[in-house]
Amino acid sequence: MILSLLACFIGIIIGILAFIHYSSFERFDKTFAAGILFFISCIFVLLAMAVYTGVTVNYYGKRYGNWRFSWSYITGWVAAVLTFFSGIFYMCAYRMHECPRNTSPH
């Protein structure tokens, strides 16, 4: 989950820099990089939830008969959905930004 937060934070910083048109690299498209970082963050969230599920089932399933996943599991699913859709939105912004650049007059 820490890697997910790190990738998400870097994606937010790169996304902000992309929308204020800060150009430190000419060939580096920051909206595409931000979208990729949000997809990586989504994968890390899903991986963290899989580890959480496996450890919780192995620990509580053997010791207690009555247990359930709590609010943290719901928060993980909300985080996975939000990072996935933010990655999609950054990819859409990349496509919208890319289209006028690639058109050439006839």
N, C-alpha and C. Protein backbone atom coordinates (compact mmCIF):
# COMPACT_ATOMS: atom_id res chain seq x y z
N MET A 1 0.81 -1.18 0.00
CA MET A 1 0.00 0.00 0.00
C MET A 1 0.87 1.26 0.00
N ILE A 2 2.05 1.15 0.60
CA ILE A 2 2.96 2.29 0.61
C ILE A 2 3.46 2.58 -0.81
N LEU A 3 3.75 1.54 -1.57
CA LEU A 3 4.17 1.75 -2.96
C LEU A 3 3.04 2.36 -3.79
N SER A 4 1.82 1.98 -3.49
CA SER A 4 0.67 2.56 -4.18
C SER A 4 0.54 4.05 -3.87
N LEU A 5 0.70 4.41 -2.61
CA LEU A 5 0.64 5.81 -2.24
C LEU A 5 1.76 6.62 -2.89
N LEU A 6 2.95 6.03 -2.95
CA LEU A 6 4.08 6.71 -3.58
C LEU A 6 3.84 6.92 -5.07
N ALA A 7 3.37 5.88 -5.77
CA ALA A 7 3.09 6.02 -7.20
C ALA A 7 1.96 7.01 -7.45
N CYS A 8 0.95 7.00 -6.59
CA CYS A 8 -0.17 7.93 -6.74
C CYS A 8 0.29 9.37 -6.50
N PHE A 9 1.11 9.59 -5.49
CA PHE A 9 1.60 10.94 -5.20
C PHE A 9 2.46 11.47 -6.34
N ILE A 10 3.34 10.64 -6.87
CA ILE A 10 4.18 11.07 -7.99
C ILE A 10 3.31 11.32 -9.22
N GLY A 11 2.28 10.49 -9.43
CA GLY A 11 1.36 10.72 -10.54
C GLY A 11 0.61 12.03 -10.41
N ILE A 12 0.22 12.39 -9.19
CA ILE A 12 -0.46 13.67 -8.98
C ILE A 12 0.47 14.82 -9.28
N ILE A 13 1.71 14.75 -8.81
CA ILE A 13 2.68 15.82 -9.07
C ILE A 13 2.95 15.96 -10.57
N ILE A 14 3.16 14.85 -11.26
CA ILE A 14 3.41 14.91 -12.70
C ILE A 14 2.18 15.42 -13.44
N GLY A 15 0.99 15.02 -12.99
CA GLY A 15 -0.25 15.50 -13.61
C GLY A 15 -0.43 16.99 -13.45
N ILE A 16 -0.11 17.51 -12.27
CA ILE A 16 -0.21 18.96 -12.05
C ILE A 16 0.80 19.69 -12.93
N LEU A 17 2.01 19.16 -13.01
CA LEU A 17 3.02 19.78 -13.87
C LEU A 17 2.62 19.73 -15.34
N ALA A 18 1.88 18.70 -15.74
CA ALA A 18 1.44 18.60 -17.13
C ALA A 18 0.39 19.64 -17.44
N PHE A 19 -0.48 19.92 -16.49
CA PHE A 19 -1.56 20.86 -16.77
C PHE A 19 -1.17 22.32 -16.59
N ILE A 20 -0.03 22.59 -15.93
CA ILE A 20 0.44 23.97 -15.87
C ILE A 20 1.48 24.24 -16.94
N HIS A 21 1.70 23.26 -17.82
CA HIS A 21 2.59 23.37 -18.98
C HIS A 21 4.02 23.65 -18.59
N TYR A 22 4.47 23.01 -17.53
CA TYR A 22 5.87 23.08 -17.15
C TYR A 22 6.63 22.08 -18.01
N SER A 23 7.51 22.56 -18.86
CA SER A 23 8.19 21.67 -19.80
C SER A 23 9.67 21.57 -19.46
N SER A 24 10.03 20.58 -18.69
CA SER A 24 11.44 20.32 -18.44
C SER A 24 11.99 19.31 -19.44
N PHE A 25 11.10 18.48 -19.99
CA PHE A 25 11.48 17.52 -21.01
C PHE A 25 10.56 17.72 -22.20
N GLU A 26 11.13 17.80 -23.39
CA GLU A 26 10.31 18.03 -24.57
C GLU A 26 9.65 16.76 -25.08
N ARG A 27 10.34 15.65 -25.06
CA ARG A 27 9.80 14.40 -25.61
C ARG A 27 9.06 13.56 -24.57
N PHE A 28 8.96 14.04 -23.37
CA PHE A 28 8.35 13.30 -22.27
C PHE A 28 6.94 13.84 -22.06
N ASP A 29 5.93 13.03 -22.38
CA ASP A 29 4.55 13.47 -22.19
C ASP A 29 4.10 13.14 -20.77
N LYS A 30 3.87 14.18 -20.00
CA LYS A 30 3.60 14.00 -18.59
C LYS A 30 2.21 13.45 -18.31
N THR A 31 1.23 13.73 -19.17
CA THR A 31 -0.10 13.17 -18.92
C THR A 31 -0.10 11.65 -19.12
N PHE A 32 0.65 11.17 -20.10
CA PHE A 32 0.78 9.72 -20.30
C PHE A 32 1.49 9.07 -19.12
N ALA A 33 2.54 9.70 -18.64
CA ALA A 33 3.29 9.16 -17.50
C ALA A 33 2.42 9.16 -16.24
N ALA A 34 1.62 10.20 -16.04
CA ALA A 34 0.73 10.24 -14.88
C ALA A 34 -0.31 9.13 -14.96
N GLY A 35 -0.85 8.89 -16.15
CA GLY A 35 -1.82 7.81 -16.32
C GLY A 35 -1.21 6.45 -16.04
N ILE A 36 0.00 6.22 -16.51
CA ILE A 36 0.69 4.96 -16.25
C ILE A 36 0.96 4.79 -14.76
N LEU A 37 1.35 5.87 -14.09
CA LEU A 37 1.60 5.79 -12.65
C LEU A 37 0.33 5.49 -11.87
N PHE A 38 -0.80 6.02 -12.32
CA PHE A 38 -2.06 5.70 -11.64
C PHE A 38 -2.46 4.25 -11.89
N PHE A 39 -2.20 3.72 -13.07
CA PHE A 39 -2.47 2.29 -13.30
C PHE A 39 -1.55 1.41 -12.45
N ILE A 40 -0.30 1.80 -12.31
CA ILE A 40 0.62 1.06 -11.45
C ILE A 40 0.15 1.13 -10.00
N SER A 41 -0.33 2.29 -9.59
CA SER A 41 -0.87 2.44 -8.24
C SER A 41 -2.07 1.53 -8.03
N CYS A 42 -2.92 1.40 -9.04
CA CYS A 42 -4.08 0.51 -8.94
C CYS A 42 -3.63 -0.95 -8.80
N ILE A 43 -2.62 -1.34 -9.53
CA ILE A 43 -2.10 -2.71 -9.42
C ILE A 43 -1.53 -2.95 -8.02
N PHE A 44 -0.82 -1.96 -7.46
CA PHE A 44 -0.28 -2.10 -6.11
C PHE A 44 -1.39 -2.19 -5.07
N VAL A 45 -2.48 -1.45 -5.26
CA VAL A 45 -3.61 -1.53 -4.33
C VAL A 45 -4.22 -2.92 -4.38
N LEU A 46 -4.42 -3.45 -5.59
CA LEU A 46 -4.98 -4.79 -5.71
C LEU A 46 -4.05 -5.85 -5.11
N LEU A 47 -2.76 -5.68 -5.28
CA LEU A 47 -1.79 -6.60 -4.69
C LEU A 47 -1.83 -6.52 -3.17
N ALA A 48 -1.89 -5.32 -2.62
CA ALA A 48 -1.97 -5.16 -1.16
C ALA A 48 -3.25 -5.76 -0.60
N MET A 49 -4.35 -5.63 -1.34
CA MET A 49 -5.60 -6.22 -0.86
C MET A 49 -5.54 -7.74 -0.93
N ALA A 50 -4.87 -8.29 -1.91
CA ALA A 50 -4.72 -9.75 -1.98
C ALA A 50 -3.89 -10.27 -0.82
N VAL A 51 -2.82 -9.57 -0.49
CA VAL A 51 -2.00 -9.98 0.65
C VAL A 51 -2.79 -9.84 1.94
N TYR A 52 -3.54 -8.74 2.08
CA TYR A 52 -4.36 -8.53 3.27
C TYR A 52 -5.40 -9.63 3.42
N THR A 53 -6.03 -10.01 2.31
CA THR A 53 -7.03 -11.07 2.37
C THR A 53 -6.40 -12.40 2.76
N GLY A 54 -5.28 -12.73 2.16
CA GLY A 54 -4.63 -14.00 2.46
C GLY A 54 -4.16 -14.09 3.89
N VAL A 55 -3.56 -13.04 4.40
CA VAL A 55 -3.07 -13.05 5.78
C VAL A 55 -4.23 -13.07 6.76
N THR A 56 -5.29 -12.30 6.48
CA THR A 56 -6.44 -12.25 7.38
C THR A 56 -7.14 -13.60 7.44
N VAL A 57 -7.34 -14.23 6.30
CA VAL A 57 -8.02 -15.53 6.28
C VAL A 57 -7.17 -16.58 7.00
N ASN A 58 -5.88 -16.58 6.77
CA ASN A 58 -5.02 -17.57 7.43
C ASN A 58 -4.93 -17.33 8.93
N TYR A 59 -4.94 -16.08 9.35
CA TYR A 59 -4.80 -15.78 10.78
C TYR A 59 -6.13 -15.94 11.52
N TYR A 60 -7.15 -15.24 11.06
CA TYR A 60 -8.43 -15.26 11.78
C TYR A 60 -9.26 -16.50 11.49
N GLY A 61 -9.11 -17.08 10.31
CA GLY A 61 -9.90 -18.25 9.97
C GLY A 61 -9.61 -19.44 10.87
N LYS A 62 -8.38 -19.55 11.32
CA LYS A 62 -8.00 -20.67 12.18
C LYS A 62 -8.27 -20.41 13.66
N ARG A 63 -8.23 -19.14 14.06
CA ARG A 63 -8.35 -18.83 15.48
C ARG A 63 -9.77 -18.48 15.91
N TYR A 64 -10.49 -17.78 15.05
CA TYR A 64 -11.82 -17.30 15.42
C TYR A 64 -12.85 -17.83 14.43
N GLY A 65 -14.00 -18.15 14.92
CA GLY A 65 -15.06 -18.65 14.04
C GLY A 65 -15.88 -17.54 13.42
N ASN A 66 -16.00 -16.43 14.14
CA ASN A 66 -16.84 -15.33 13.66
C ASN A 66 -15.96 -14.09 13.43
N TRP A 67 -15.62 -13.83 12.21
CA TRP A 67 -14.84 -12.66 11.85
C TRP A 67 -15.31 -12.17 10.49
N ARG A 68 -14.96 -10.93 10.17
CA ARG A 68 -15.32 -10.35 8.88
C ARG A 68 -14.32 -9.25 8.52
N PHE A 69 -14.30 -8.92 7.24
CA PHE A 69 -13.45 -7.82 6.80
C PHE A 69 -14.10 -6.51 7.23
N SER A 70 -13.30 -5.56 7.58
CA SER A 70 -13.81 -4.32 8.13
C SER A 70 -13.74 -3.19 7.10
N TRP A 71 -13.77 -1.97 7.58
CA TRP A 71 -13.80 -0.80 6.72
C TRP A 71 -12.55 -0.65 5.89
N SER A 72 -11.43 -1.20 6.32
CA SER A 72 -10.19 -1.06 5.57
C SER A 72 -10.26 -1.78 4.22
N TYR A 73 -10.98 -2.89 4.18
CA TYR A 73 -11.13 -3.62 2.93
C TYR A 73 -11.98 -2.82 1.95
N ILE A 74 -13.03 -2.18 2.45
CA ILE A 74 -13.87 -1.33 1.60
C ILE A 74 -13.08 -0.13 1.10
N THR A 75 -12.26 0.44 1.97
CA THR A 75 -11.41 1.56 1.57
C THR A 75 -10.43 1.14 0.48
N GLY A 76 -9.92 -0.06 0.56
CA GLY A 76 -9.01 -0.57 -0.48
C GLY A 76 -9.71 -0.69 -1.82
N TRP A 77 -10.94 -1.19 -1.85
CA TRP A 77 -11.67 -1.29 -3.11
C TRP A 77 -12.00 0.08 -3.67
N VAL A 78 -12.35 1.03 -2.81
CA VAL A 78 -12.61 2.39 -3.28
C VAL A 78 -11.34 3.00 -3.86
N ALA A 79 -10.20 2.77 -3.22
CA ALA A 79 -8.93 3.29 -3.72
C ALA A 79 -8.57 2.66 -5.07
N ALA A 80 -8.83 1.36 -5.22
CA ALA A 80 -8.53 0.69 -6.49
C ALA A 80 -9.39 1.27 -7.62
N VAL A 81 -10.67 1.47 -7.36
CA VAL A 81 -11.56 2.03 -8.38
C VAL A 81 -11.17 3.46 -8.73
N LEU A 82 -10.87 4.28 -7.72
CA LEU A 82 -10.52 5.68 -7.99
C LEU A 82 -9.20 5.81 -8.73
N THR A 83 -8.19 5.02 -8.38
CA THR A 83 -6.93 5.12 -9.10
C THR A 83 -7.06 4.59 -10.53
N PHE A 84 -7.90 3.56 -10.73
CA PHE A 84 -8.11 3.05 -12.08
C PHE A 84 -8.78 4.11 -12.96
N PHE A 85 -9.83 4.75 -12.45
CA PHE A 85 -10.51 5.76 -13.25
C PHE A 85 -9.68 7.02 -13.43
N SER A 86 -8.85 7.38 -12.46
CA SER A 86 -7.97 8.52 -12.67
C SER A 86 -6.92 8.21 -13.74
N GLY A 87 -6.46 6.97 -13.81
CA GLY A 87 -5.57 6.57 -14.89
C GLY A 87 -6.25 6.66 -16.24
N ILE A 88 -7.52 6.24 -16.30
CA ILE A 88 -8.28 6.35 -17.55
C ILE A 88 -8.45 7.81 -17.95
N PHE A 89 -8.76 8.67 -16.99
CA PHE A 89 -8.95 10.08 -17.30
C PHE A 89 -7.65 10.74 -17.78
N TYR A 90 -6.53 10.36 -17.19
CA TYR A 90 -5.26 10.91 -17.67
C TYR A 90 -4.93 10.39 -19.06
N MET A 91 -5.28 9.15 -19.37
CA MET A 91 -5.08 8.64 -20.73
C MET A 91 -5.98 9.37 -21.73
N CYS A 92 -7.20 9.69 -21.31
CA CYS A 92 -8.09 10.47 -22.18
C CYS A 92 -7.52 11.87 -22.40
N ALA A 93 -6.94 12.46 -21.36
CA ALA A 93 -6.32 13.78 -21.51
C ALA A 93 -5.12 13.69 -22.44
N TYR A 94 -4.39 12.60 -22.37
CA TYR A 94 -3.25 12.40 -23.27
C TYR A 94 -3.72 12.30 -24.71
N ARG A 95 -4.81 11.54 -24.94
CA ARG A 95 -5.33 11.39 -26.30
C ARG A 95 -5.87 12.71 -26.84
N MET A 96 -6.53 13.48 -26.00
CA MET A 96 -7.05 14.77 -26.45
C MET A 96 -5.91 15.74 -26.73
N HIS A 97 -4.85 15.67 -25.96
CA HIS A 97 -3.71 16.55 -26.17
C HIS A 97 -2.90 16.10 -27.38
N GLU A 98 -2.92 14.80 -27.67
CA GLU A 98 -2.12 14.24 -28.76
C GLU A 98 -2.74 14.52 -30.13
N CYS A 99 -4.05 14.55 -30.23
CA CYS A 99 -4.74 14.66 -31.53
C CYS A 99 -4.37 15.93 -32.29
N PRO A 100 -4.45 17.13 -31.71
CA PRO A 100 -4.09 18.31 -32.49
C PRO A 100 -2.62 18.35 -32.87
N ARG A 101 -1.76 17.72 -32.12
CA ARG A 101 -0.34 17.75 -32.40
C ARG A 101 0.01 16.92 -33.62
N ASN A 102 -0.73 15.82 -33.85
CA ASN A 102 -0.38 14.90 -34.94
C ASN A 102 -1.05 15.25 -36.27
N THR A 103 -1.93 16.21 -36.30
CA THR A 103 -2.59 16.58 -37.56
C THR A 103 -1.65 17.47 -38.36
N SER A 104 -1.59 17.20 -39.65
CA SER A 104 -0.75 18.01 -40.52
C SER A 104 -1.61 18.55 -41.65
N PRO A 105 -1.36 19.79 -42.09
CA PRO A 105 -2.16 20.36 -43.19
C PRO A 105 -1.85 19.67 -44.50
N HIS A 106 -2.85 19.53 -45.35
CA HIS A 106 -2.68 18.84 -46.64
C HIS A 106 -2.23 19.78 -47.71
